[in-house]
């Protein structure tokens, strides 16, 4: 059956290419954000929503999609997801306003949610034993490497062509993925999965996550408790003196509490639920999912901050920013081969812990070297270490989480695991973005307050402009000799705020490492004994 074997591995390539596309789209936008801000006139909060709209929908629908795909066909769901993703990418590439771009990103999130959990359950159904471990490692390394390659690809496309090509490139890749998947990947489904969809649970998860992320992103704009300025939401004036931020945050927490109660009730009654709580009786799954969420919070949030620092403080172009982040991708890809060797020697759990520790070292080191005048070579080694950690942790944590999940529940299990990652990623962008921009406001205000030549009204205007532009206004300040000293203060404040975001990311990863310490230990793979020497075969044989 060698042809079937080759077909499976080519099918793995097709699935991994599709996964690479949706993961790249999480990070490819990072280096394009300054160009998007300039072209469409979006604010720093709007730039975060360009990221969050995609990630929120992605995270909120993964559980529903995993369950439906088990019943209707995993390959079918994957292919439909690619079609939706390609169509949404065309809309994003042609967006004429920030609102249109955010709407297109919502549709991209829908397509991505249909692709990611089904990709993992397809691998789980297609491969077994050691081959499954290899397939999971390739899948996980694809995620880590794609997240790192996104800024390079986005930087090149933005600099040489337009930020719109950061979305347009998905179209030819998506067509290739669809054709290869239909030819090379067999259909799989579980006819025993129960009928029905938990739409109430899906709605509560969307409301809960959106409320919390809205509060984290918009707090600095609308006020954390009292309304900072007159507020208009969806064309309507906000009537209360209290800001919508605490209302959204508390409402989001309440929705998540209702979601948990709703899931417990439906599980007890044996009705289809968004979350199969019985999966959490599996120790490796429960701990692995928790660790995946926390680790993702620290991993991807910083990739929002670093490109802004490179471009708006150090003056790099989008392409040079991508080149500067290339060691992260190199480290992630190299660690996939290294991880396979380490798993044989130490076991997957140890490799996950080693990867998270490497991430902490790399990010904490970046926090130490970030400055307004950092030399180009200073972050390279730290980014490489960070990339090695991402590759090791991401590639192996998936397999550790799902190794004891029954095959017939692989869609649900992979959906929960992927949801944990995406929820962590969404919160990471929101939390670290808040740390970055709130820190920038406070630090720049303090620096300008020491200057006697700047009035308070002018100071507030400068701080607001720099913050809302995501730092893009610094270049304009530097170009005018009269405001060049203010630009230097803004660069210093932005660098300090980036440093705080890096240390916050390292802190979250440290919590993730503590969670990973609770992962059940697995035994290293036995090393095959050296084969006995055999006599040379005769020509006749």
Protein backbone atom coordinates (compact mmCIF):
# COMPACT_ATOMS: atom_id res chain seq x y z
CA UNK A 1 0.00 0.00 0.00
CA UNK A 2 2.84 2.46 -0.62
CA UNK A 3 0.69 4.70 -2.80
CA UNK A 4 -1.83 5.13 -0.01
CA UNK A 5 0.98 5.91 2.37
CA UNK A 6 2.36 8.58 0.09
CA UNK A 7 -1.15 9.91 -0.42
CA UNK A 8 -1.61 10.32 3.32
CA UNK A 9 1.56 12.33 3.65
CA UNK A 10 0.71 14.53 0.67
CA UNK A 11 -2.68 14.99 2.28
CA UNK A 12 -0.89 16.09 5.45
CA UNK A 13 0.93 18.68 3.33
CA UNK A 14 -2.38 19.99 1.94
CA UNK A 15 -3.94 20.21 5.40
CA UNK A 16 -0.84 21.87 6.85
CA UNK A 17 -0.81 24.43 4.02
CA UNK A 18 -4.41 25.33 4.83
CA UNK A 19 -3.59 25.63 8.53
CA UNK A 20 -0.55 27.75 7.66
CA UNK A 21 -2.80 30.15 5.75
CA UNK A 22 -5.18 30.80 8.66
CA UNK A 23 -2.36 31.06 11.21
CA UNK A 24 -0.33 33.38 8.98
CA UNK A 25 -3.38 35.61 8.81
CA UNK A 26 -3.21 36.07 12.58
CA UNK A 27 0.26 37.59 12.37
CA UNK A 28 0.64 38.79 8.76
CA UNK A 29 -1.45 41.85 9.59
CA UNK A 30 0.88 42.92 12.41
CA UNK A 31 3.52 44.51 10.19
CA UNK A 32 0.82 45.92 7.89
CA UNK A 33 -0.96 47.75 10.73
CA UNK A 34 0.90 51.09 10.26
CA UNK A 35 0.05 51.06 6.54
CA UNK A 36 -3.58 50.17 7.29
CA UNK A 37 -3.79 52.99 9.84
CA UNK A 38 -2.40 55.47 7.30
CA UNK A 39 -4.51 54.25 4.37
CA UNK A 40 -7.87 53.70 6.06
CA UNK A 41 -7.48 56.17 8.93
CA UNK A 42 -8.25 53.67 11.70
CA UNK A 43 -7.27 54.35 15.31
CA UNK A 44 -5.01 52.19 17.47
CA UNK A 45 -8.13 50.63 18.99
CA UNK A 46 -9.45 50.01 15.48
CA UNK A 47 -6.14 48.35 14.58
CA UNK A 48 -6.57 46.00 17.52
CA UNK A 49 -10.10 45.21 16.34
CA UNK A 50 -8.70 44.27 12.93
CA UNK A 51 -6.88 41.54 14.82
CA UNK A 52 -9.52 40.76 17.41
CA UNK A 53 -12.50 40.49 15.05
CA UNK A 54 -10.75 37.58 13.38
CA UNK A 55 -9.56 35.92 16.57
CA UNK A 56 -12.81 36.36 18.50
CA UNK A 57 -15.03 34.74 15.87
CA UNK A 58 -12.37 32.10 15.37
CA UNK A 59 -12.31 31.22 19.08
CA UNK A 60 -16.06 31.43 19.64
CA UNK A 61 -17.06 28.99 16.88
CA UNK A 62 -14.38 26.31 17.14
CA UNK A 63 -16.38 24.17 19.56
CA UNK A 64 -19.52 24.25 17.45
CA UNK A 65 -17.61 23.45 14.28
CA UNK A 66 -15.73 20.55 15.84
CA UNK A 67 -18.97 18.87 16.85
CA UNK A 68 -20.75 19.51 13.52
CA UNK A 69 -17.72 18.32 11.52
CA UNK A 70 -17.69 15.00 13.38
CA UNK A 71 -21.25 14.39 12.17
CA UNK A 72 -21.39 15.94 8.69
CA UNK A 73 -17.89 15.12 7.47
CA UNK A 74 -14.56 16.58 8.48
CA UNK A 75 -13.14 16.98 4.99
CA UNK A 76 -16.34 18.62 3.79
CA UNK A 77 -16.23 21.14 6.64
CA UNK A 78 -12.54 21.85 5.99
CA UNK A 79 -13.13 22.54 2.28
CA UNK A 80 -16.15 24.78 2.95
CA UNK A 81 -14.05 26.66 5.50
CA UNK A 82 -11.34 27.28 2.89
CA UNK A 83 -13.99 28.62 0.47
CA UNK A 84 -15.36 31.04 3.09
CA UNK A 85 -11.83 32.11 4.03
CA UNK A 86 -10.89 32.81 0.40
CA UNK A 87 -14.06 34.85 -0.21
CA UNK A 88 -13.49 36.86 2.98
CA UNK A 89 -9.87 37.49 1.97
CA UNK A 90 -11.09 39.03 -1.30
CA UNK A 91 -13.39 41.34 0.69
CA UNK A 92 -10.55 42.31 3.04
CA UNK A 93 -8.21 43.07 0.14
CA UNK A 94 -10.78 45.44 -1.38
CA UNK A 95 -11.96 47.09 1.87
CA UNK A 96 -12.45 50.85 1.62
CA UNK A 97 -12.80 51.60 5.33
CA UNK A 98 -11.86 50.25 8.72
CA UNK A 99 -15.41 48.99 9.28
CA UNK A 100 -15.38 47.05 5.99
CA UNK A 101 -12.01 45.52 6.85
CA UNK A 102 -13.19 44.48 10.31
CA UNK A 103 -16.32 42.94 8.77
CA UNK A 104 -14.19 40.96 6.32
CA UNK A 105 -12.03 39.79 9.21
CA UNK A 106 -15.17 38.49 10.95
CA UNK A 107 -15.89 36.33 7.89
CA UNK A 108 -12.26 35.19 7.80
CA UNK A 109 -12.63 34.11 11.41
CA UNK A 110 -15.68 32.04 10.43
CA UNK A 111 -13.72 30.29 7.69
CA UNK A 112 -10.73 29.74 9.94
CA UNK A 113 -12.95 28.26 12.66
CA UNK A 114 -14.23 25.73 10.14
CA UNK A 115 -10.70 24.76 9.13
CA UNK A 116 -8.58 24.49 12.26
CA UNK A 117 -10.34 21.86 14.41
CA UNK A 118 -11.28 19.79 11.38
CA UNK A 119 -7.66 19.76 10.23
CA UNK A 120 -6.60 18.23 13.52
CA UNK A 121 -9.42 15.67 13.63
CA UNK A 122 -8.65 14.70 10.01
CA UNK A 123 -5.09 13.90 11.04
CA UNK A 124 -6.33 12.04 14.09
CA UNK A 125 -8.57 9.90 11.86
CA UNK A 126 -5.99 9.37 9.09
CA UNK A 127 -2.87 8.48 11.07
CA UNK A 128 -2.23 6.09 13.93
CA UNK A 129 0.59 5.23 16.31
CA UNK A 130 3.98 6.73 15.60
CA UNK A 131 2.74 8.19 12.30
CA UNK A 132 0.09 10.14 14.22
CA UNK A 133 2.76 11.60 16.51
CA UNK A 134 4.77 12.68 13.46
CA UNK A 135 1.67 14.19 11.83
CA UNK A 136 0.83 16.11 15.02
CA UNK A 137 4.42 17.37 15.20
CA UNK A 138 4.25 18.61 11.60
CA UNK A 139 0.85 20.23 12.30
CA UNK A 140 2.11 21.94 15.45
CA UNK A 141 5.35 23.09 13.85
CA UNK A 142 3.31 24.54 10.99
CA UNK A 143 1.42 26.69 13.48
CA UNK A 144 4.56 27.94 15.19
CA UNK A 145 6.48 28.55 11.96
CA UNK A 146 3.53 30.17 10.20
CA UNK A 147 2.94 32.57 13.07
CA UNK A 148 6.56 33.61 12.77
CA UNK A 149 6.65 33.80 8.95
CA UNK A 150 3.54 35.98 8.82
CA UNK A 151 5.38 39.22 9.63
CA UNK A 152 8.05 38.53 6.98
CA UNK A 153 5.51 37.77 4.27
CA UNK A 154 3.29 40.67 5.32
CA UNK A 155 6.26 43.03 5.42
CA UNK A 156 7.40 42.07 1.94
CA UNK A 157 3.92 42.36 0.44
CA UNK A 158 3.21 45.66 2.20
CA UNK A 159 6.53 47.25 1.22
CA UNK A 160 6.74 46.01 -2.38
CA UNK A 161 3.04 46.06 -3.28
CA UNK A 162 0.31 47.00 -0.79
CA UNK A 163 -1.06 45.86 2.54
CA UNK A 164 -4.03 44.56 0.54
CA UNK A 165 -1.88 41.77 -0.84
CA UNK A 166 -1.43 40.49 2.69
CA UNK A 167 -5.02 39.28 2.25
CA UNK A 168 -5.06 38.74 -1.52
CA UNK A 169 -2.33 36.12 -1.37
CA UNK A 170 -4.77 33.80 0.38
CA UNK A 171 -6.79 33.34 -2.82
CA UNK A 172 -4.35 31.26 -4.94
CA UNK A 173 -3.16 29.34 -1.88
CA UNK A 174 -6.75 28.56 -0.91
CA UNK A 175 -7.56 27.23 -4.40
CA UNK A 176 -4.52 24.92 -4.20
CA UNK A 177 -5.53 23.68 -0.74
CA UNK A 178 -9.08 22.89 -1.88
CA UNK A 179 -7.92 20.91 -4.91
CA UNK A 180 -5.27 18.96 -2.96
CA UNK A 181 -7.63 18.19 -0.07
CA UNK A 182 -10.36 16.82 -2.33
CA UNK A 183 -7.88 14.58 -4.14
CA UNK A 184 -5.61 13.43 -1.32
CA UNK A 185 -7.56 13.50 1.96
CA UNK A 186 -10.24 10.84 2.63
CA UNK A 187 -13.55 11.83 4.19
CA UNK A 188 -14.17 10.85 7.82
CA UNK A 189 -17.13 11.27 10.15
CA UNK A 190 -18.62 9.80 13.29
CA UNK A 191 -22.16 8.51 12.72
CA UNK A 192 -22.58 7.93 16.44
CA UNK A 193 -22.28 11.59 17.44
CA UNK A 194 -25.53 12.99 18.80
CA UNK A 195 -27.75 15.23 16.70
CA UNK A 196 -28.40 18.84 17.51
CA UNK A 197 -26.31 21.98 18.01
CA UNK A 198 -25.94 24.02 21.17
CA UNK A 199 -26.73 27.42 19.64
CA UNK A 200 -27.38 29.03 23.05
CA UNK A 201 -23.94 27.97 24.22
CA UNK A 202 -22.34 29.35 21.06
CA UNK A 203 -24.15 32.68 21.51
CA UNK A 204 -23.12 32.94 25.17
CA UNK A 205 -19.48 32.22 24.29
CA UNK A 206 -19.48 34.95 21.62
CA UNK A 207 -21.11 37.48 23.97
CA UNK A 208 -18.80 36.60 26.84
CA UNK A 209 -15.54 36.86 24.93
CA UNK A 210 -16.61 39.96 22.98
CA UNK A 211 -17.62 41.79 26.15
CA UNK A 212 -14.33 41.08 27.92
CA UNK A 213 -12.16 41.93 24.91
CA UNK A 214 -14.18 45.09 24.20
CA UNK A 215 -13.55 46.25 27.77
CA UNK A 216 -9.81 45.56 27.56
CA UNK A 217 -9.34 47.30 24.21
CA UNK A 218 -11.68 50.28 24.59
CA UNK A 219 -10.97 51.12 28.24
CA UNK A 220 -8.31 53.66 27.34
CA UNK A 221 -10.64 55.26 24.77
CA UNK A 222 -13.97 55.42 26.59
CA UNK A 223 -12.76 55.45 30.18
CA UNK A 224 -12.32 52.51 32.53
CA UNK A 225 -15.21 53.55 34.80
CA UNK A 226 -16.64 56.98 33.97
CA UNK A 227 -17.09 58.13 30.40
CA UNK A 228 -14.01 60.09 29.36
CA UNK A 229 -15.74 61.80 26.41
CA UNK A 230 -19.20 61.82 24.81
CA UNK A 231 -19.63 58.34 23.36
CA UNK A 232 -21.48 57.16 20.26
CA UNK A 233 -21.92 53.40 19.76
CA UNK A 234 -23.51 51.97 16.61
CA UNK A 235 -24.86 55.42 15.74
CA UNK A 236 -26.48 55.98 19.15
CA UNK A 237 -25.33 58.32 21.93
CA UNK A 238 -24.33 56.53 25.14
CA UNK A 239 -26.83 57.87 27.73
CA UNK A 240 -25.05 57.12 31.03
CA UNK A 241 -22.16 58.80 32.84
CA UNK A 242 -20.70 55.38 33.53
CA UNK A 243 -18.50 54.17 30.68
CA UNK A 244 -19.68 51.26 28.50
CA UNK A 245 -16.40 49.54 29.35
CA UNK A 246 -17.35 48.16 32.81
CA UNK A 247 -20.82 47.36 31.50
CA UNK A 248 -19.32 45.28 28.69
CA UNK A 249 -16.74 43.66 30.96
CA UNK A 250 -19.21 42.68 33.66
CA UNK A 251 -21.69 41.56 31.02
CA UNK A 252 -19.01 39.40 29.40
CA UNK A 253 -18.13 37.74 32.70
CA UNK A 254 -21.83 37.13 33.40
CA UNK A 255 -22.28 35.56 29.95
CA UNK A 256 -19.35 33.20 30.58
CA UNK A 257 -20.81 32.24 33.99
CA UNK A 258 -24.16 31.50 32.31
CA UNK A 259 -22.29 29.52 29.65
CA UNK A 260 -20.69 27.31 32.30
CA UNK A 261 -24.03 26.70 34.06
CA UNK A 262 -25.68 26.00 30.70
CA UNK A 263 -22.98 23.47 29.77
CA UNK A 264 -23.27 21.66 33.10
CA UNK A 265 -27.05 21.41 32.72
CA UNK A 266 -26.94 20.10 29.14
CA UNK A 267 -24.20 17.59 29.95
CA UNK A 268 -26.20 16.21 32.88
CA UNK A 269 -29.28 15.81 30.70
CA UNK A 270 -27.29 14.13 27.94
CA UNK A 271 -28.19 16.80 25.41
CA UNK A 272 -25.76 18.11 22.76
CA UNK A 273 -23.53 20.69 24.45
CA UNK A 274 -20.96 23.13 23.17
CA UNK A 275 -18.47 21.67 25.63
CA UNK A 276 -18.26 17.96 26.42
CA UNK A 277 -17.34 18.22 30.09
CA UNK A 278 -16.57 14.51 30.32
CA UNK A 279 -13.41 15.18 28.32
CA UNK A 280 -12.05 17.07 31.31
CA UNK A 281 -12.00 13.84 33.30
CA UNK A 282 -8.98 12.94 31.16
CA UNK A 283 -6.05 14.37 33.11
CA UNK A 284 -3.70 14.95 30.17
CA UNK A 285 -6.46 16.68 28.20
CA UNK A 286 -7.58 18.89 31.10
CA UNK A 287 -4.08 20.06 31.97
CA UNK A 288 -2.97 20.33 28.35
CA UNK A 289 -5.90 22.55 27.38
CA UNK A 290 -5.32 24.83 30.37
CA UNK A 291 -1.63 25.12 29.58
CA UNK A 292 -2.33 25.76 25.87
CA UNK A 293 -4.59 28.71 26.68
CA UNK A 294 -2.16 30.33 29.08
CA UNK A 295 0.86 29.78 26.84
CA UNK A 296 -0.94 31.23 23.80
CA UNK A 297 -1.80 34.33 25.83
CA UNK A 298 1.89 35.08 26.21
CA UNK A 299 3.01 33.81 22.79
CA UNK A 300 1.04 35.80 20.26
CA UNK A 301 0.19 38.99 22.12
CA UNK A 302 3.76 40.24 21.88
CA UNK A 303 3.73 39.82 18.09
CA UNK A 304 1.26 42.72 18.02
CA UNK A 305 3.64 45.05 19.89
CA UNK A 306 7.04 44.24 18.36
CA UNK A 307 6.30 45.32 14.74
CA UNK A 308 4.97 48.68 15.97
CA UNK A 309 8.19 49.21 17.95
CA UNK A 310 10.38 48.25 15.01
CA UNK A 311 8.58 50.55 12.55
CA UNK A 312 7.58 53.54 14.66
CA UNK A 313 10.54 53.74 17.04
CA UNK A 314 13.49 52.24 15.15
CA UNK A 315 12.19 53.43 11.75
CA UNK A 316 12.20 50.06 9.98
CA UNK A 317 10.11 49.49 6.87
CA UNK A 318 7.47 46.76 6.92
CA UNK A 319 9.79 44.44 4.99
CA UNK A 320 12.78 45.11 7.23
CA UNK A 321 10.53 44.46 10.21
CA UNK A 322 9.69 41.07 8.73
CA UNK A 323 13.39 40.37 8.25
CA UNK A 324 14.10 41.39 11.83
CA UNK A 325 11.52 38.84 13.03
CA UNK A 326 12.86 36.10 10.74
CA UNK A 327 15.01 34.43 13.46
CA UNK A 328 11.75 33.62 15.24
CA UNK A 329 10.56 31.64 12.19
CA UNK A 330 13.95 29.95 11.73
CA UNK A 331 14.01 28.86 15.35
CA UNK A 332 10.46 27.52 15.14
CA UNK A 333 11.11 25.47 12.01
CA UNK A 334 14.43 24.07 13.22
CA UNK A 335 12.91 23.04 16.52
CA UNK A 336 10.45 20.72 14.75
CA UNK A 337 13.27 18.34 13.80
CA UNK A 338 14.98 18.89 17.13
CA UNK A 339 11.73 18.19 18.95
CA UNK A 340 11.35 14.74 17.38
CA UNK A 341 14.80 13.78 18.67
CA UNK A 342 14.16 15.22 22.12
CA UNK A 343 10.83 13.41 22.44
CA UNK A 344 12.60 10.08 21.88
CA UNK A 345 15.08 10.91 24.61
CA UNK A 346 12.97 12.75 27.20
CA UNK A 347 9.31 12.36 26.27
CA UNK A 348 6.82 14.90 24.92
CA UNK A 349 5.93 16.42 28.29
CA UNK A 350 9.54 17.36 29.04
CA UNK A 351 9.89 18.85 25.56
CA UNK A 352 6.79 21.02 26.11
CA UNK A 353 8.23 22.30 29.38
CA UNK A 354 11.58 22.99 27.74
CA UNK A 355 9.86 24.91 24.96
CA UNK A 356 7.89 27.16 27.31
CA UNK A 357 11.05 27.81 29.35
CA UNK A 358 12.86 28.85 26.15
CA UNK A 359 9.99 31.20 25.29
CA UNK A 360 10.25 32.84 28.71
CA UNK A 361 14.00 33.32 28.31
CA UNK A 362 13.61 34.81 24.84
CA UNK A 363 10.77 37.20 25.71
CA UNK A 364 12.29 38.34 29.00
CA UNK A 365 15.56 38.96 27.18
CA UNK A 366 13.73 41.05 24.57
CA UNK A 367 12.29 43.12 27.40
CA UNK A 368 15.84 43.88 28.50
CA UNK A 369 17.16 44.97 25.08
CA UNK A 370 14.18 46.99 23.80
CA UNK A 371 15.14 50.66 23.70
CA UNK A 372 14.75 53.72 21.42
CA UNK A 373 18.19 53.03 19.91
CA UNK A 374 18.48 49.23 20.01
CA UNK A 375 21.07 47.97 17.50
CA UNK A 376 19.69 45.66 14.79
CA UNK A 377 21.62 42.61 15.97
CA UNK A 378 20.66 42.79 19.67
CA UNK A 379 17.24 41.03 19.48
CA UNK A 380 18.22 38.37 16.91
CA UNK A 381 19.47 35.64 19.25
CA UNK A 382 16.62 36.23 21.67
CA UNK A 383 14.04 35.98 18.88
CA UNK A 384 15.67 32.72 17.76
CA UNK A 385 15.44 31.28 21.29
CA UNK A 386 11.83 32.43 21.47
CA UNK A 387 11.12 30.74 18.12
CA UNK A 388 12.70 27.48 19.25
CA UNK A 389 10.45 27.57 22.29
CA UNK A 390 7.33 28.25 20.21
CA UNK A 391 8.15 25.34 17.90
CA UNK A 392 8.82 22.88 20.71
CA UNK A 393 5.84 23.86 22.85
CA UNK A 394 3.26 24.21 20.08
CA UNK A 395 4.26 21.07 18.21
CA UNK A 396 4.19 18.77 21.23
CA UNK A 397 1.48 20.30 23.42
CA UNK A 398 -1.24 19.33 20.94
CA UNK A 399 -0.21 15.69 20.96
CA UNK A 400 0.10 15.65 24.76
CA UNK A 401 -3.40 17.10 25.13
CA UNK A 402 -5.12 14.69 22.72
CA UNK A 403 -3.19 11.46 23.15
CA UNK A 404 -5.81 9.92 25.47
CA UNK A 405 -8.91 11.36 23.73
CA UNK A 406 -10.93 8.62 21.95
CA UNK A 407 -10.89 8.85 18.16
CA UNK A 408 -14.67 9.25 17.84
CA UNK A 409 -14.48 12.40 20.01
CA UNK A 410 -11.45 13.85 18.26
CA UNK A 411 -13.47 16.66 16.67
CA UNK A 412 -14.76 17.81 20.04
CA UNK A 413 -11.36 17.39 21.68
CA UNK A 414 -9.47 19.26 18.98
CA UNK A 415 -12.15 21.97 19.02
CA UNK A 416 -11.70 22.50 22.75
CA UNK A 417 -7.92 22.49 22.44
CA UNK A 418 -7.95 24.92 19.51
CA UNK A 419 -10.47 27.13 21.32
CA UNK A 420 -8.18 27.35 24.34
CA UNK A 421 -5.36 28.50 22.06
CA UNK A 422 -7.48 31.10 20.30
CA UNK A 423 -9.05 32.42 23.49
CA UNK A 424 -5.55 32.79 24.88
CA UNK A 425 -4.41 34.53 21.70
CA UNK A 426 -7.40 36.93 21.74
CA UNK A 427 -6.84 37.80 25.38
CA UNK A 428 -3.11 38.15 24.73
CA UNK A 429 -3.64 40.75 22.01
CA UNK A 430 -6.19 42.58 24.17
CA UNK A 431 -4.21 42.48 27.41
CA UNK A 432 -0.75 43.17 25.98
CA UNK A 433 -2.17 45.78 23.61
CA UNK A 434 -3.73 47.48 26.63
CA UNK A 435 -0.42 47.28 28.50
CA UNK A 436 1.36 48.77 25.48
CA UNK A 437 -0.96 51.70 24.78
CA UNK A 438 -1.91 52.48 28.38
CA UNK A 439 1.78 52.40 29.26
CA UNK A 440 2.56 54.65 26.30
CA UNK A 441 -0.03 57.20 27.42
CA UNK A 442 1.16 57.29 31.01
CA UNK A 443 4.87 57.35 30.21
CA UNK A 444 4.61 59.97 27.49
CA UNK A 445 2.37 62.17 29.66
CA UNK A 446 4.93 61.99 32.48
CA UNK A 447 7.82 62.82 30.14
CA UNK A 448 6.08 65.78 28.53
CA UNK A 449 4.95 67.08 31.94
CA UNK A 450 8.62 67.74 32.73
CA UNK A 451 8.90 70.11 29.76
CA UNK A 452 7.96 73.70 30.57
CA UNK A 453 7.53 74.61 26.89
CA UNK A 454 4.44 72.40 26.42
CA UNK A 455 1.04 73.42 27.79
CA UNK A 456 -1.30 70.82 29.29
CA UNK A 457 -3.78 71.04 26.41
CA UNK A 458 -1.05 70.57 23.84
CA UNK A 459 0.42 67.72 25.91
CA UNK A 460 -2.88 65.86 25.96
CA UNK A 461 -3.28 66.34 22.24
CA UNK A 462 0.20 64.98 21.51
CA UNK A 463 -0.32 61.94 23.75
CA UNK A 464 -3.69 61.18 22.20
CA UNK A 465 -2.33 61.51 18.65
CA UNK A 466 0.65 59.26 19.29
CA UNK A 467 -1.45 56.66 21.09
CA UNK A 468 -4.36 56.58 18.64
CA UNK A 469 -2.00 56.30 15.66
CA UNK A 470 -0.26 53.33 17.27
CA UNK A 471 2.96 55.35 17.26
CA UNK A 472 2.76 56.22 13.55
CA UNK A 473 2.58 59.94 14.40
CA UNK A 474 6.14 59.81 15.78
CA UNK A 475 7.62 60.00 12.27
CA UNK A 476 5.74 63.24 11.57
CA UNK A 477 6.92 64.76 14.84
CA UNK A 478 10.52 63.77 14.04
CA UNK A 479 10.36 65.35 10.57
CA UNK A 480 9.64 68.83 12.00
CA UNK A 481 12.66 70.39 13.75
CA UNK A 482 10.31 72.18 16.17
CA UNK A 483 8.79 68.92 17.41
CA UNK A 484 11.81 66.62 16.95
CA UNK A 485 12.59 66.69 20.73
CA UNK A 486 8.99 65.60 21.42
CA UNK A 487 9.46 62.73 18.95
CA UNK A 488 12.47 61.54 20.97
CA UNK A 489 10.35 61.55 24.13
CA UNK A 490 7.65 59.58 22.30
CA UNK A 491 10.17 57.02 21.08
CA UNK A 492 11.50 56.54 24.59
CA UNK A 493 7.98 56.16 26.00
CA UNK A 494 6.98 53.70 23.27
CA UNK A 495 10.10 51.61 23.86
CA UNK A 496 9.44 51.51 27.61
CA UNK A 497 5.82 50.51 27.00
CA UNK A 498 6.97 47.72 24.65
CA UNK A 499 9.33 46.54 27.38
CA UNK A 500 6.45 46.38 29.85
CA UNK A 501 4.42 44.34 27.34
CA UNK A 502 7.34 41.91 26.94
CA UNK A 503 7.67 41.43 30.69
CA UNK A 504 3.89 40.91 30.97
CA UNK A 505 4.07 38.25 28.23
CA UNK A 506 6.94 36.53 30.07
CA UNK A 507 4.83 36.57 33.23
CA UNK A 508 1.92 34.85 31.51
CA UNK A 509 4.29 32.26 30.05
CA UNK A 510 5.70 31.62 33.52
CA UNK A 511 2.17 30.81 34.70
CA UNK A 512 1.87 28.55 31.65
CA UNK A 513 5.10 26.77 32.61
CA UNK A 514 3.70 26.13 36.07
CA UNK A 515 0.60 24.64 34.44
CA UNK A 516 2.79 22.50 32.18
CA UNK A 517 4.55 21.13 35.26
CA UNK A 518 1.27 19.35 36.05
CA UNK A 519 1.16 17.52 32.72
CA UNK A 520 1.35 13.73 33.21
CA UNK A 521 4.80 12.41 32.43
CA UNK A 522 5.15 10.16 29.41
CA UNK A 523 7.88 7.67 28.84
CA UNK A 524 10.45 8.37 26.17
CA UNK A 525 10.18 6.20 23.09
CA UNK A 526 12.39 3.12 23.34
CA UNK A 527 15.52 3.32 21.27
CA UNK A 528 15.64 0.51 18.74
CA UNK A 529 18.72 -1.67 19.23
CA UNK A 530 21.32 -1.54 16.55
CA UNK A 531 20.60 -4.18 13.90
CA UNK A 532 22.83 -7.23 13.74
CA UNK A 533 25.22 -7.21 10.80
CA UNK A 534 23.76 -9.20 7.89
CA UNK A 535 25.68 -10.88 5.10
CA UNK A 536 25.59 -9.00 1.83
CA UNK A 537 22.82 -10.09 -0.47
CA UNK A 538 23.81 -11.95 -3.59
CA UNK A 539 22.90 -10.51 -6.98
CA UNK A 540 20.43 -13.35 -7.46
CA UNK A 541 18.49 -12.45 -4.36
